Protein backbone atom coordinates (compact mmCIF):
# COMPACT_ATOMS: atom_id res chain seq x y z
CA MET A 1 -87.24 123.88 154.11
CA ASP A 2 -89.74 126.41 155.55
CA ASP A 3 -87.14 129.21 155.42
CA LEU A 4 -86.31 128.33 151.83
CA VAL A 5 -89.95 128.30 150.75
CA THR A 6 -90.46 131.68 152.43
CA LEU A 7 -87.48 133.10 150.52
CA LEU A 8 -88.63 131.72 147.18
CA GLN A 9 -92.09 133.13 147.79
CA GLU A 10 -90.55 136.53 148.63
CA TYR A 11 -88.70 136.42 145.30
CA LYS A 12 -91.70 135.04 143.41
CA GLY A 13 -91.24 135.24 139.64
CA LYS A 14 -87.61 136.40 139.89
CA PRO A 15 -84.36 134.63 139.00
CA VAL A 16 -82.76 132.44 141.64
CA ILE A 17 -79.00 132.03 141.20
CA LEU A 18 -77.66 128.83 142.75
CA VAL A 19 -73.89 129.19 143.14
CA ASP A 20 -71.73 126.09 143.58
CA LEU A 21 -69.72 127.72 146.38
CA MET A 22 -66.69 125.41 146.60
CA ASN A 23 -66.47 125.27 142.82
CA LEU A 24 -66.42 129.08 142.66
CA LEU A 25 -63.89 129.42 145.48
CA PHE A 26 -61.44 127.03 143.85
CA ARG A 27 -61.90 128.59 140.41
CA ASN A 28 -61.01 131.99 141.82
CA LEU A 29 -58.25 130.66 144.02
CA PHE A 30 -56.37 129.67 140.87
CA ALA A 31 -57.56 132.65 138.82
CA PHE A 32 -56.08 134.96 141.48
CA ASP A 33 -53.38 132.59 142.70
CA LYS A 34 -50.86 135.34 143.44
CA LEU A 35 -53.12 137.18 145.88
CA ARG A 36 -51.93 136.98 149.48
CA ASN A 37 -52.69 139.03 152.55
CA SER A 38 -49.91 140.46 154.71
CA ASP A 39 -49.77 137.16 156.64
CA GLY A 40 -48.99 135.28 153.42
CA GLU A 41 -52.37 133.51 153.27
CA GLN A 42 -53.98 132.89 149.87
CA THR A 43 -57.03 135.12 149.50
CA GLY A 44 -57.78 134.73 145.79
CA GLY A 45 -60.80 132.48 146.38
CA TYR A 46 -62.52 134.94 148.69
CA TYR A 47 -61.46 137.89 146.55
CA GLY A 48 -63.09 136.29 143.49
CA LEU A 49 -66.23 135.48 145.48
CA THR A 50 -66.61 139.05 146.74
CA LYS A 51 -65.99 140.54 143.29
CA PHE A 52 -68.65 138.20 141.89
CA LEU A 53 -71.17 139.22 144.57
CA MET A 54 -70.37 142.90 144.08
CA THR A 55 -70.99 142.55 140.34
CA LEU A 56 -74.30 140.74 140.81
CA SER A 57 -75.47 143.15 143.50
CA THR A 58 -75.11 146.11 141.12
CA SER A 59 -76.18 144.35 137.91
CA MET A 60 -79.22 145.78 136.15
CA PHE A 61 -80.17 142.20 135.24
CA TYR A 62 -79.62 140.32 138.52
CA LYS A 63 -79.56 142.84 141.39
CA ASP A 64 -83.13 141.88 142.35
CA SER A 65 -82.42 138.15 142.14
CA LEU A 66 -82.14 135.75 145.04
CA ILE A 67 -78.55 134.49 145.28
CA LEU A 68 -77.95 131.25 147.18
CA LEU A 69 -74.38 130.13 147.87
CA ILE A 70 -74.70 126.35 148.06
CA ASP A 71 -72.06 124.84 150.34
CA ASP A 72 -70.80 121.26 150.29
CA GLY A 73 -71.52 118.82 153.08
CA VAL A 74 -69.95 115.37 153.48
CA PRO A 75 -71.80 112.90 151.19
CA VAL A 76 -72.36 110.28 153.90
CA ASP A 77 -74.66 108.04 151.85
CA ARG A 78 -72.38 108.05 148.81
CA ASN A 79 -69.30 107.41 150.94
CA ARG A 80 -71.06 104.40 152.42
CA GLN A 81 -71.69 103.09 148.91
CA SER A 82 -68.08 103.56 147.79
CA SER A 83 -64.95 104.40 149.75
CA GLU A 84 -63.32 105.39 146.43
CA TYR A 85 -65.88 108.11 145.64
CA LYS A 86 -63.95 111.39 145.11
CA SER A 87 -60.98 109.93 147.00
CA ASN A 88 -58.70 111.35 144.29
CA ARG A 89 -59.52 114.93 145.25
CA LYS A 90 -56.60 115.97 147.39
CA HIS A 91 -56.27 119.73 147.29
CA SER A 92 -53.07 121.45 148.29
CA VAL A 93 -55.07 124.30 149.77
CA SER A 94 -58.00 124.52 152.12
CA PHE A 95 -60.45 127.21 153.07
CA GLY A 96 -60.04 127.54 156.80
CA ASN A 97 -63.09 128.91 158.64
CA LYS A 98 -64.86 128.99 155.26
CA SER A 99 -68.42 129.08 156.57
CA TYR A 100 -67.64 131.83 159.09
CA ILE A 101 -65.86 133.97 156.49
CA VAL A 102 -68.58 133.53 153.85
CA ASP A 103 -71.30 134.31 156.38
CA CYS A 104 -69.47 137.52 157.28
CA LEU A 105 -69.02 138.51 153.65
CA ILE A 106 -72.75 138.19 152.88
CA GLN A 107 -73.98 139.71 156.13
CA ASN A 108 -74.88 143.06 154.55
CA LEU A 109 -76.02 141.75 151.17
CA PRO A 110 -79.76 141.31 151.73
CA ASN A 111 -80.43 139.03 148.74
CA VAL A 112 -77.48 136.64 149.35
CA TYR A 113 -77.66 133.57 151.63
CA ARG A 114 -75.56 130.48 152.31
CA VAL A 115 -77.29 127.09 152.12
CA TYR A 116 -75.70 124.14 153.90
CA ASN A 117 -76.63 120.63 154.97
CA SER A 118 -73.66 118.85 156.58
CA LEU A 119 -74.74 115.44 155.19
CA VAL A 120 -75.53 116.45 151.61
CA GLU A 121 -73.44 117.49 148.61
CA ALA A 122 -74.03 120.85 146.98
CA ASP A 123 -75.14 119.10 143.76
CA ASP A 124 -78.14 117.51 145.47
CA LEU A 125 -79.06 120.76 147.22
CA MET A 126 -79.00 122.72 143.95
CA PHE A 127 -81.01 120.04 142.18
CA SER A 128 -83.58 119.94 144.99
CA ILE A 129 -84.02 123.72 145.13
CA SER A 130 -84.51 123.86 141.36
CA ARG A 131 -87.42 121.39 141.66
CA ILE A 132 -89.50 123.86 143.73
CA LYS A 133 -91.67 125.29 140.98
CA GLN A 134 -94.71 126.86 142.64
CA PHE A 135 -93.32 130.40 142.74
CA ASP A 136 -92.52 130.76 139.02
CA ASN A 137 -88.79 131.27 139.57
CA ARG A 138 -86.17 130.79 136.89
CA PHE A 139 -83.14 128.94 138.27
CA ILE A 140 -79.57 129.53 137.10
CA ILE A 141 -77.06 127.01 138.45
CA TYR A 142 -73.56 128.52 138.32
CA THR A 143 -71.05 125.66 138.21
CA LEU A 144 -68.50 123.75 136.13
CA ASP A 145 -69.86 120.39 137.24
CA LYS A 146 -71.46 118.37 134.41
CA ASP A 147 -73.45 116.33 136.95
CA LEU A 148 -75.79 119.32 137.27
CA PHE A 149 -76.91 119.01 133.65
CA GLN A 150 -79.38 116.46 135.02
CA ALA A 151 -81.26 119.40 136.56
CA ILE A 152 -82.00 121.14 133.25
CA ASP A 153 -85.65 121.68 132.44
CA LYS A 154 -87.81 124.51 131.08
CA THR A 155 -87.02 126.79 134.03
CA THR A 156 -83.58 125.54 135.09
CA PHE A 157 -80.39 126.47 133.27
CA ILE A 158 -76.68 125.82 133.78
CA SER A 159 -74.01 128.47 133.45
CA SER A 160 -70.25 128.24 133.81
CA HIS A 161 -69.49 131.76 132.59
CA TYR A 162 -70.57 135.25 133.61
CA THR A 163 -69.50 137.85 131.05
CA ASP A 164 -70.62 141.35 130.09
CA GLY A 165 -73.18 141.42 132.89
CA HIS A 166 -74.87 138.18 131.79
CA PHE A 167 -74.74 134.51 132.63
CA VAL A 168 -74.12 132.39 129.54
CA LEU A 169 -77.05 130.00 129.85
CA LEU A 170 -76.81 126.37 128.77
CA ASP A 171 -79.83 124.16 128.15
CA ASP A 172 -80.40 120.86 126.35
CA ALA A 173 -80.35 122.67 122.99
CA SER A 174 -77.02 124.44 123.55
CA ASP A 175 -73.93 123.47 121.57
CA TYR A 176 -72.10 122.57 124.78
CA TYR A 177 -74.86 120.20 125.85
CA LYS A 178 -75.08 118.55 122.43
CA LYS A 179 -71.30 118.14 122.28
CA HIS A 180 -71.25 116.14 125.51
CA PHE A 181 -74.68 114.46 125.55
CA ARG A 182 -76.04 114.77 121.99
CA ASP A 183 -79.80 114.17 122.08
CA LEU A 184 -80.12 112.61 125.54
CA GLU A 185 -82.83 113.78 127.90
CA PRO A 186 -81.35 115.28 131.10
CA TYR A 187 -82.62 112.34 133.19
CA GLN A 188 -80.77 109.93 130.86
CA ILE A 189 -77.38 111.59 131.47
CA PRO A 190 -76.38 109.61 134.61
CA TYR A 191 -77.07 106.32 132.79
CA PHE A 192 -74.72 107.36 129.99
CA ARG A 193 -72.03 108.54 132.39
CA ALA A 194 -72.38 105.46 134.62
CA CYS A 195 -71.16 103.41 131.65
CA ILE A 196 -68.14 105.53 130.75
CA GLY A 197 -67.16 106.61 134.29
CA ASP A 198 -65.97 109.96 135.62
CA LYS A 199 -62.29 110.50 136.43
CA SER A 200 -63.01 113.66 138.41
CA ASP A 201 -65.11 111.65 140.89
CA ASN A 202 -62.76 108.64 140.73
CA LEU A 203 -65.44 106.46 139.14
CA PRO A 204 -64.18 103.93 136.55
CA PRO A 205 -65.87 102.91 133.29
CA ILE A 206 -67.68 99.60 133.61
CA GLU A 207 -64.88 98.08 131.56
CA PRO A 208 -61.73 99.63 130.02
CA ARG A 209 -62.35 101.86 126.97
CA PHE A 210 -66.10 101.31 127.09
CA SER A 211 -67.64 102.62 123.85
CA LYS A 212 -69.35 106.01 124.14
CA LYS A 213 -71.51 105.02 121.16
CA VAL A 214 -72.81 102.00 123.06
CA ALA A 215 -73.29 104.07 126.24
CA HIS A 216 -75.27 106.67 124.30
CA TYR A 217 -77.44 104.05 122.57
CA PHE A 218 -78.19 102.43 125.94
CA ALA A 219 -79.14 105.70 127.66
CA LYS A 220 -81.23 106.92 124.72
CA ASN A 221 -83.05 103.72 123.78
CA CYS A 222 -83.06 101.56 126.90
CA VAL A 223 -83.85 104.15 129.59
CA HIS A 224 -87.36 105.57 129.72
CA SER A 225 -88.65 107.61 132.68
CA ASP A 226 -85.87 106.15 134.82
CA GLN A 227 -86.86 102.59 133.89
CA ILE A 228 -84.30 100.34 132.18
CA VAL A 229 -85.59 98.10 129.38
CA LYS A 230 -83.87 95.47 127.26
CA PRO A 231 -82.65 96.53 123.79
CA LYS A 232 -84.76 95.29 120.86
CA SER A 233 -82.12 95.67 118.16
CA SER A 234 -78.98 97.66 117.73
CA GLY A 235 -77.10 97.06 114.48
CA PHE A 236 -73.85 96.96 116.43
CA THR A 237 -70.77 94.87 115.86
CA GLY A 238 -70.37 91.74 117.94
CA LYS A 239 -68.06 93.54 120.39
CA GLN A 240 -70.47 96.47 120.74
CA LEU A 241 -73.44 94.17 121.33
CA GLU A 242 -71.40 92.31 123.92
CA GLN A 243 -70.69 95.63 125.69
CA LEU A 244 -74.37 96.60 125.54
CA LEU A 245 -75.52 93.36 127.16
CA PHE A 246 -72.72 93.61 129.72
CA ILE A 247 -74.28 96.79 131.14
CA TYR A 248 -77.25 94.83 132.51
CA LYS A 249 -75.10 92.60 134.68
CA SER A 250 -72.41 95.09 135.68
CA ASP A 251 -72.09 95.86 139.38
CA ILE A 252 -69.87 98.82 138.50
CA PHE A 253 -72.65 100.30 136.36
CA MET A 254 -75.19 100.11 139.20
CA SER A 255 -72.69 101.51 141.69
CA ASN A 256 -71.78 104.40 139.36
CA LEU A 257 -75.44 105.13 138.68
CA LEU A 258 -76.28 105.40 142.37
CA LEU A 259 -73.32 107.74 142.90
CA MET A 260 -73.94 109.92 139.83
CA ARG A 261 -77.69 110.38 139.93
CA LEU A 262 -78.79 113.50 141.79
CA GLU A 263 -81.15 113.00 144.72
CA PHE A 264 -83.98 115.16 146.03
CA VAL A 265 -83.48 116.13 149.68
CA ASP A 266 -86.05 117.58 152.07
CA ILE A 267 -83.70 119.29 154.52
CA ILE A 268 -82.33 122.47 152.91
CA PRO A 269 -81.26 124.84 155.69
CA ILE A 270 -80.73 128.55 155.07
CA GLU A 271 -77.91 129.78 157.32
CA LYS A 272 -78.93 132.68 159.56
CA LYS A 273 -77.33 136.10 159.14
CA ASN A 274 -76.31 136.99 162.67
CA LYS A 275 -72.77 138.35 162.44
CA THR A 276 -71.97 141.65 164.16
CA PRO A 277 -70.52 144.64 162.29
CA PHE A 278 -67.28 144.09 164.21
CA GLU A 279 -67.04 140.47 163.03
CA VAL A 280 -67.66 141.48 159.43
CA LYS A 281 -65.09 144.29 159.59
CA THR A 282 -62.51 141.97 161.16
CA VAL A 283 -62.92 139.32 158.44
CA VAL A 284 -62.86 141.80 155.56
CA GLU A 285 -59.81 143.58 156.92
CA HIS A 286 -57.99 140.27 157.49
CA LEU A 287 -58.64 139.35 153.86
CA GLU A 288 -57.56 142.89 152.93
CA LEU A 289 -60.59 143.38 150.70
CA LYS A 290 -60.52 147.16 150.99
CA GLU A 291 -62.65 147.66 147.89
CA PHE A 292 -65.38 145.54 149.47
CA ILE A 293 -65.38 147.68 152.61
CA GLU A 294 -66.08 150.74 150.47
CA PHE A 295 -68.71 148.80 148.54
CA LEU A 296 -70.54 147.89 151.74
CA LYS A 297 -70.71 151.55 152.72
CA VAL A 298 -72.63 152.19 149.50
CA VAL A 299 -75.05 149.24 149.50
CA VAL A 300 -75.89 149.06 153.20
């Protein structure tokens, strides 16, 4: 945490871009799915990552920002709670030597670092970093993951798109947010989603076809400052009222909530930049990112 605090202090008052690294790699793997090196290995993920970093490093809006590539660890605590958590995610591709390759790619980009805790998911790391407020940073979390909408506050924004030199920023007043969560406070989101489940994380609804209207009413009216209270009145049908009361005794709801709610973590290691020029050159040439080699000659 000391290294992170030092970095944030160094970039006091400037934007901090928190990149969901695995999310970005997979997005670009499929965006550039035909890219292969001469050995036949898929390189689209790393190609997209390097193009993204090149763009940010020369952007008039973000070139002075701190860019943190947040890497995924194994969610030990969540796996203990549920063996089914994310068990449906079986990718046909993998990123061999990912950490070594990424560390080589960012070696000569002075404002880019990789953040990794082997026992913690990237979501929790991004959430935790965005809670460090004493240096007046604005945080932009670059991801497709709706779990991160819990992190939104006055200085923390979500973005899933970077176009025309800008991140498209989403907050709790954006159309995207209102479409998915209506008028819920960010801290109420996991309570809503714990009722309806999340197929992408292999988490079921607390009962089949659970009403989103009931889930929204519960999160909005029965959750205050992370405390659950009993409903006073609802005006629901008998079936809807039955669903509402079922939440309070549902083991699936409590299990989902524990798995969906982001946690603050104290151990947020910044990976050291200690690769040699030969290592960097070897990795970049293996990936056949010739444009990046020329780029490094300019920025270094």
